[in-house]
N, C-alpha and C. Protein backbone atom coordinates (compact mmCIF):
# COMPACT_ATOMS: atom_id res chain seq x y z
N UNK A 1 -5.27 35.41 6.17
CA UNK A 1 -5.61 34.00 6.02
C UNK A 1 -5.25 33.49 4.63
N UNK A 2 -5.37 34.30 3.59
CA UNK A 2 -5.11 33.83 2.24
C UNK A 2 -3.65 33.41 2.04
N UNK A 3 -2.73 33.93 2.85
CA UNK A 3 -1.34 33.52 2.74
C UNK A 3 -1.15 32.05 3.10
N UNK A 4 -2.09 31.46 3.84
CA UNK A 4 -2.01 30.05 4.21
C UNK A 4 -2.46 29.11 3.10
N UNK A 5 -3.15 29.63 2.11
CA UNK A 5 -3.68 28.78 1.04
C UNK A 5 -2.59 28.02 0.29
N UNK A 6 -1.41 28.60 0.18
CA UNK A 6 -0.35 27.89 -0.55
C UNK A 6 0.10 26.64 0.19
N UNK A 7 -0.21 26.54 1.50
CA UNK A 7 0.14 25.37 2.28
C UNK A 7 -1.00 24.36 2.39
N UNK A 8 -2.18 24.78 1.99
CA UNK A 8 -3.34 23.88 2.07
C UNK A 8 -3.22 22.82 1.00
N UNK A 9 -3.62 21.63 1.34
CA UNK A 9 -3.58 20.54 0.37
C UNK A 9 -5.02 20.20 -0.01
N UNK A 10 -5.27 20.16 -1.28
CA UNK A 10 -6.62 19.78 -1.71
C UNK A 10 -6.75 18.27 -1.61
N UNK A 11 -7.97 17.78 -1.43
CA UNK A 11 -8.15 16.33 -1.37
C UNK A 11 -7.67 15.68 -2.66
N UNK A 12 -7.14 14.49 -2.52
CA UNK A 12 -6.67 13.76 -3.69
C UNK A 12 -7.86 13.29 -4.52
N UNK A 13 -7.67 13.29 -5.81
CA UNK A 13 -8.70 12.73 -6.69
C UNK A 13 -7.99 11.84 -7.70
N UNK A 14 -8.77 11.02 -8.37
CA UNK A 14 -8.20 10.02 -9.27
C UNK A 14 -7.33 10.63 -10.37
N UNK A 15 -7.65 11.84 -10.79
CA UNK A 15 -6.88 12.42 -11.90
C UNK A 15 -5.48 12.86 -11.50
N UNK A 16 -5.20 13.03 -10.21
CA UNK A 16 -3.84 13.37 -9.82
C UNK A 16 -3.17 12.21 -9.08
N UNK A 17 -3.61 11.00 -9.39
CA UNK A 17 -3.03 9.82 -8.76
C UNK A 17 -2.65 8.79 -9.82
N UNK A 18 -1.50 8.19 -9.62
CA UNK A 18 -1.11 7.06 -10.47
C UNK A 18 -1.86 5.81 -10.04
N UNK A 19 -2.06 5.70 -8.74
CA UNK A 19 -2.89 4.64 -8.18
C UNK A 19 -3.57 5.20 -6.94
N UNK A 20 -4.83 4.90 -6.79
CA UNK A 20 -5.60 5.34 -5.63
C UNK A 20 -6.66 4.27 -5.38
N UNK A 21 -6.33 3.32 -4.52
CA UNK A 21 -7.22 2.19 -4.30
C UNK A 21 -7.37 1.86 -2.83
N UNK A 22 -8.53 1.43 -2.49
CA UNK A 22 -8.83 0.87 -1.18
C UNK A 22 -9.44 -0.50 -1.48
N UNK A 23 -8.72 -1.55 -1.09
CA UNK A 23 -9.13 -2.91 -1.45
C UNK A 23 -9.45 -3.69 -0.19
N UNK A 24 -10.64 -4.25 -0.15
CA UNK A 24 -11.04 -5.09 0.99
C UNK A 24 -10.25 -6.39 0.94
N UNK A 25 -9.83 -6.88 2.09
CA UNK A 25 -9.02 -8.09 2.15
C UNK A 25 -9.85 -9.36 2.34
N UNK A 26 -11.07 -9.22 2.75
CA UNK A 26 -11.91 -10.40 3.01
C UNK A 26 -13.11 -10.44 2.08
N UNK A 27 -13.63 -11.62 1.92
CA UNK A 27 -14.90 -11.76 1.21
C UNK A 27 -15.98 -11.08 2.06
N UNK A 28 -17.06 -10.63 1.43
CA UNK A 28 -18.07 -9.86 2.17
C UNK A 28 -18.58 -10.52 3.46
N UNK A 29 -18.76 -11.83 3.43
CA UNK A 29 -19.31 -12.49 4.62
C UNK A 29 -18.32 -12.55 5.79
N UNK A 30 -17.05 -12.26 5.53
CA UNK A 30 -16.03 -12.26 6.58
C UNK A 30 -15.49 -10.85 6.86
N UNK A 31 -16.07 -9.85 6.22
CA UNK A 31 -15.50 -8.51 6.29
C UNK A 31 -15.68 -7.88 7.67
N UNK A 32 -14.55 -7.52 8.25
CA UNK A 32 -14.55 -6.80 9.52
C UNK A 32 -13.78 -5.50 9.40
N UNK A 33 -13.55 -5.06 8.18
CA UNK A 33 -12.84 -3.81 7.95
C UNK A 33 -11.41 -3.97 7.49
N UNK A 34 -10.96 -5.19 7.26
CA UNK A 34 -9.58 -5.39 6.80
C UNK A 34 -9.45 -4.88 5.36
N UNK A 35 -8.37 -4.10 5.13
CA UNK A 35 -8.19 -3.54 3.80
C UNK A 35 -6.74 -3.16 3.57
N UNK A 36 -6.44 -2.94 2.28
CA UNK A 36 -5.16 -2.37 1.87
C UNK A 36 -5.49 -1.04 1.20
N UNK A 37 -4.79 -0.01 1.61
CA UNK A 37 -4.99 1.32 1.02
C UNK A 37 -3.68 1.71 0.35
N UNK A 38 -3.73 1.95 -0.95
CA UNK A 38 -2.55 2.36 -1.68
C UNK A 38 -2.83 3.68 -2.41
N UNK A 39 -1.85 4.56 -2.37
CA UNK A 39 -1.98 5.84 -3.06
C UNK A 39 -0.60 6.29 -3.50
N UNK A 40 -0.47 6.58 -4.79
CA UNK A 40 0.75 7.19 -5.33
C UNK A 40 0.30 8.39 -6.15
N UNK A 41 0.70 9.55 -5.70
CA UNK A 41 0.35 10.79 -6.38
C UNK A 41 1.08 10.91 -7.71
N UNK A 42 0.41 11.42 -8.71
CA UNK A 42 1.01 11.70 -10.00
C UNK A 42 1.47 13.16 -10.00
N UNK A 43 2.77 13.37 -10.00
CA UNK A 43 3.30 14.74 -9.96
C UNK A 43 3.75 15.23 -11.34
N UNK A 44 3.37 14.53 -12.39
CA UNK A 44 3.86 14.89 -13.73
C UNK A 44 3.44 16.29 -14.16
N UNK A 45 2.35 16.81 -13.63
CA UNK A 45 1.90 18.16 -14.00
C UNK A 45 2.51 19.23 -13.11
N UNK A 46 3.23 18.83 -12.08
CA UNK A 46 3.84 19.81 -11.16
C UNK A 46 5.23 20.18 -11.67
N UNK A 47 5.55 21.44 -11.56
CA UNK A 47 6.85 21.94 -12.01
C UNK A 47 7.80 22.07 -10.82
N UNK A 48 9.06 21.71 -11.03
CA UNK A 48 10.04 21.92 -9.97
C UNK A 48 10.22 23.41 -9.68
N UNK A 49 10.52 23.72 -8.46
CA UNK A 49 10.85 25.10 -8.11
C UNK A 49 12.36 25.21 -8.01
N UNK A 50 12.82 26.40 -7.78
CA UNK A 50 14.26 26.60 -7.64
C UNK A 50 14.81 25.86 -6.42
N UNK A 51 13.96 25.67 -5.41
CA UNK A 51 14.42 25.09 -4.15
C UNK A 51 14.01 23.64 -3.93
N UNK A 52 13.05 23.15 -4.71
CA UNK A 52 12.58 21.78 -4.42
C UNK A 52 11.99 21.13 -5.66
N UNK A 53 12.14 19.82 -5.71
CA UNK A 53 11.48 19.01 -6.74
C UNK A 53 10.14 18.54 -6.19
N UNK A 54 9.16 18.34 -7.06
CA UNK A 54 7.87 17.82 -6.57
C UNK A 54 8.06 16.43 -5.96
N UNK A 55 7.56 16.26 -4.79
CA UNK A 55 7.68 14.97 -4.10
C UNK A 55 6.27 14.40 -3.92
N UNK A 56 6.03 13.21 -4.45
CA UNK A 56 4.67 12.67 -4.41
C UNK A 56 4.27 12.19 -3.02
N UNK A 57 2.97 12.22 -2.79
CA UNK A 57 2.41 11.57 -1.61
C UNK A 57 2.37 10.08 -1.91
N UNK A 58 2.90 9.28 -0.98
CA UNK A 58 2.97 7.83 -1.15
C UNK A 58 2.39 7.18 0.09
N UNK A 59 1.39 6.31 -0.09
CA UNK A 59 0.77 5.64 1.06
C UNK A 59 0.60 4.16 0.78
N UNK A 60 0.98 3.36 1.74
CA UNK A 60 0.66 1.94 1.75
C UNK A 60 0.26 1.62 3.18
N UNK A 61 -1.02 1.36 3.36
CA UNK A 61 -1.55 1.06 4.69
C UNK A 61 -2.29 -0.27 4.62
N UNK A 62 -1.99 -1.15 5.55
CA UNK A 62 -2.64 -2.46 5.64
C UNK A 62 -3.30 -2.53 7.00
N UNK A 63 -4.58 -2.86 7.01
CA UNK A 63 -5.29 -2.92 8.29
C UNK A 63 -6.21 -4.13 8.32
N UNK A 64 -6.39 -4.63 9.54
CA UNK A 64 -7.44 -5.61 9.77
C UNK A 64 -8.41 -4.96 10.75
N UNK A 65 -9.28 -5.73 11.35
CA UNK A 65 -10.27 -5.09 12.22
C UNK A 65 -9.68 -4.54 13.52
N UNK A 66 -8.46 -4.96 13.88
CA UNK A 66 -7.87 -4.52 15.14
C UNK A 66 -6.58 -3.70 14.97
N UNK A 67 -5.80 -3.98 13.95
CA UNK A 67 -4.47 -3.39 13.81
C UNK A 67 -4.31 -2.70 12.46
N UNK A 68 -3.31 -1.81 12.41
CA UNK A 68 -3.03 -1.10 11.17
C UNK A 68 -1.54 -0.81 11.11
N UNK A 69 -0.98 -1.00 9.92
CA UNK A 69 0.41 -0.57 9.70
C UNK A 69 0.43 0.34 8.49
N UNK A 70 1.27 1.33 8.54
CA UNK A 70 1.48 2.22 7.41
C UNK A 70 2.97 2.25 7.14
N UNK A 71 3.34 1.88 5.93
CA UNK A 71 4.75 1.82 5.56
C UNK A 71 5.16 3.11 4.87
N UNK A 72 6.40 3.50 5.10
CA UNK A 72 6.93 4.73 4.52
C UNK A 72 7.76 4.41 3.28
N UNK A 73 7.62 5.27 2.28
CA UNK A 73 8.38 5.18 1.05
C UNK A 73 8.81 6.59 0.67
N UNK A 74 9.93 6.71 -0.02
CA UNK A 74 10.43 8.03 -0.37
C UNK A 74 11.14 8.00 -1.72
N UNK A 75 11.15 9.15 -2.39
CA UNK A 75 11.79 9.28 -3.70
C UNK A 75 12.87 10.37 -3.72
N UNK A 76 13.16 10.98 -2.59
CA UNK A 76 13.98 12.18 -2.55
C UNK A 76 15.48 11.99 -2.81
N UNK A 77 15.93 10.76 -2.86
CA UNK A 77 17.34 10.50 -3.23
C UNK A 77 17.41 9.14 -3.89
N UNK A 78 18.51 8.89 -4.57
CA UNK A 78 18.69 7.58 -5.22
C UNK A 78 18.67 6.46 -4.20
N UNK A 79 19.30 6.69 -3.05
CA UNK A 79 19.33 5.66 -2.00
C UNK A 79 17.94 5.40 -1.44
N UNK A 80 17.15 6.45 -1.24
CA UNK A 80 15.78 6.27 -0.73
C UNK A 80 14.91 5.56 -1.76
N UNK A 81 15.05 5.92 -3.03
CA UNK A 81 14.27 5.25 -4.08
C UNK A 81 14.63 3.78 -4.15
N UNK A 82 15.93 3.49 -4.11
CA UNK A 82 16.38 2.10 -4.15
C UNK A 82 15.85 1.32 -2.95
N UNK A 83 15.91 1.93 -1.78
CA UNK A 83 15.42 1.24 -0.59
C UNK A 83 13.91 1.03 -0.65
N UNK A 84 13.17 2.00 -1.16
CA UNK A 84 11.72 1.85 -1.27
C UNK A 84 11.36 0.71 -2.22
N UNK A 85 12.04 0.63 -3.36
CA UNK A 85 11.80 -0.48 -4.29
C UNK A 85 12.21 -1.81 -3.68
N UNK A 86 13.31 -1.82 -2.93
CA UNK A 86 13.74 -3.03 -2.21
C UNK A 86 12.66 -3.46 -1.21
N UNK A 87 12.09 -2.50 -0.49
CA UNK A 87 11.05 -2.80 0.49
C UNK A 87 9.83 -3.42 -0.20
N UNK A 88 9.43 -2.86 -1.34
CA UNK A 88 8.28 -3.39 -2.07
C UNK A 88 8.58 -4.80 -2.58
N UNK A 89 9.75 -5.01 -3.16
CA UNK A 89 10.12 -6.34 -3.66
C UNK A 89 10.19 -7.36 -2.53
N UNK A 90 10.70 -6.95 -1.37
CA UNK A 90 10.78 -7.83 -0.21
C UNK A 90 9.39 -8.22 0.27
N UNK A 91 8.47 -7.25 0.31
CA UNK A 91 7.09 -7.55 0.69
C UNK A 91 6.44 -8.54 -0.27
N UNK A 92 6.64 -8.31 -1.57
CA UNK A 92 6.06 -9.22 -2.57
C UNK A 92 6.61 -10.63 -2.42
N UNK A 93 7.92 -10.76 -2.21
CA UNK A 93 8.54 -12.08 -2.04
C UNK A 93 8.04 -12.75 -0.77
N UNK A 94 7.94 -11.99 0.31
CA UNK A 94 7.45 -12.56 1.58
C UNK A 94 6.01 -13.03 1.43
N UNK A 95 5.18 -12.25 0.75
CA UNK A 95 3.78 -12.64 0.54
C UNK A 95 3.69 -13.87 -0.35
N UNK A 96 4.52 -13.95 -1.39
CA UNK A 96 4.50 -15.13 -2.26
C UNK A 96 4.91 -16.38 -1.48
N UNK A 97 5.93 -16.26 -0.65
CA UNK A 97 6.34 -17.39 0.18
C UNK A 97 5.27 -17.79 1.18
N UNK A 98 4.66 -16.79 1.80
CA UNK A 98 3.59 -17.05 2.76
C UNK A 98 2.42 -17.74 2.07
N UNK A 99 2.06 -17.28 0.87
CA UNK A 99 0.94 -17.88 0.14
C UNK A 99 1.21 -19.34 -0.18
N UNK A 100 2.42 -19.62 -0.67
CA UNK A 100 2.77 -21.01 -1.02
C UNK A 100 2.73 -21.91 0.21
N UNK A 101 3.30 -21.45 1.32
CA UNK A 101 3.29 -22.25 2.55
C UNK A 101 1.88 -22.41 3.09
N UNK A 102 1.08 -21.35 3.02
CA UNK A 102 -0.31 -21.42 3.48
C UNK A 102 -1.09 -22.42 2.64
N UNK A 103 -0.93 -22.36 1.32
CA UNK A 103 -1.65 -23.27 0.43
C UNK A 103 -1.30 -24.72 0.75
N UNK A 104 -0.03 -24.99 1.02
CA UNK A 104 0.39 -26.36 1.37
C UNK A 104 -0.25 -26.80 2.69
N UNK A 105 -0.24 -25.94 3.69
CA UNK A 105 -0.86 -26.28 4.97
C UNK A 105 -2.38 -26.43 4.86
N UNK A 106 -3.00 -25.57 4.06
CA UNK A 106 -4.45 -25.66 3.86
C UNK A 106 -4.82 -26.97 3.18
N UNK A 107 -4.04 -27.39 2.18
CA UNK A 107 -4.29 -28.65 1.49
C UNK A 107 -4.11 -29.82 2.45
N UNK A 108 -3.07 -29.79 3.28
CA UNK A 108 -2.84 -30.84 4.26
C UNK A 108 -3.98 -30.90 5.27
N UNK A 109 -4.45 -29.76 5.70
CA UNK A 109 -5.57 -29.71 6.65
C UNK A 109 -6.83 -30.32 6.03
N UNK A 110 -7.08 -29.98 4.75
CA UNK A 110 -8.26 -30.51 4.07
C UNK A 110 -8.19 -32.03 3.97
N UNK A 111 -7.00 -32.58 3.66
CA UNK A 111 -6.82 -34.04 3.60
C UNK A 111 -7.11 -34.65 4.96
N UNK A 112 -6.55 -34.10 6.01
CA UNK A 112 -6.78 -34.62 7.36
C UNK A 112 -8.25 -34.50 7.76
N UNK A 113 -8.88 -33.42 7.34
CA UNK A 113 -10.29 -33.20 7.65
C UNK A 113 -11.16 -34.28 6.99
N UNK A 114 -10.84 -34.61 5.73
CA UNK A 114 -11.60 -35.65 5.01
C UNK A 114 -11.41 -37.02 5.66
N UNK A 115 -10.20 -37.31 6.09
CA UNK A 115 -9.91 -38.61 6.73
C UNK A 115 -10.65 -38.75 8.06
N UNK A 116 -10.85 -37.65 8.71
CA UNK A 116 -11.47 -37.64 10.04
C UNK A 116 -12.98 -37.95 9.98
N UNK A 117 -13.59 -37.62 8.88
CA UNK A 117 -15.06 -37.80 8.78
C UNK A 117 -15.44 -39.09 8.11
């Protein structure tokens, strides 16, 4: 059984993570379990072996009370790293655009709501 220990993974802790956060997406009165879970392992203390470089655990999971998505990211090649950064930048841009459009619609709704009463 001890030969399997080299394959066992210990639970992650803050000291071996560059980021390890679970962030609620709603205010407490609206919370139904929606959250963003991000984890990037810090491999700076790990040494490369003759056959492999240390590859970090990377997690980005977004969930609401009914659905969950987990996005994949990788660092194992220049193309994968570039694509992962592209994916992150694309998400940020899409969220910024969504926020701006939402804010405009929310303001319009508030104006219409005031006129109605």
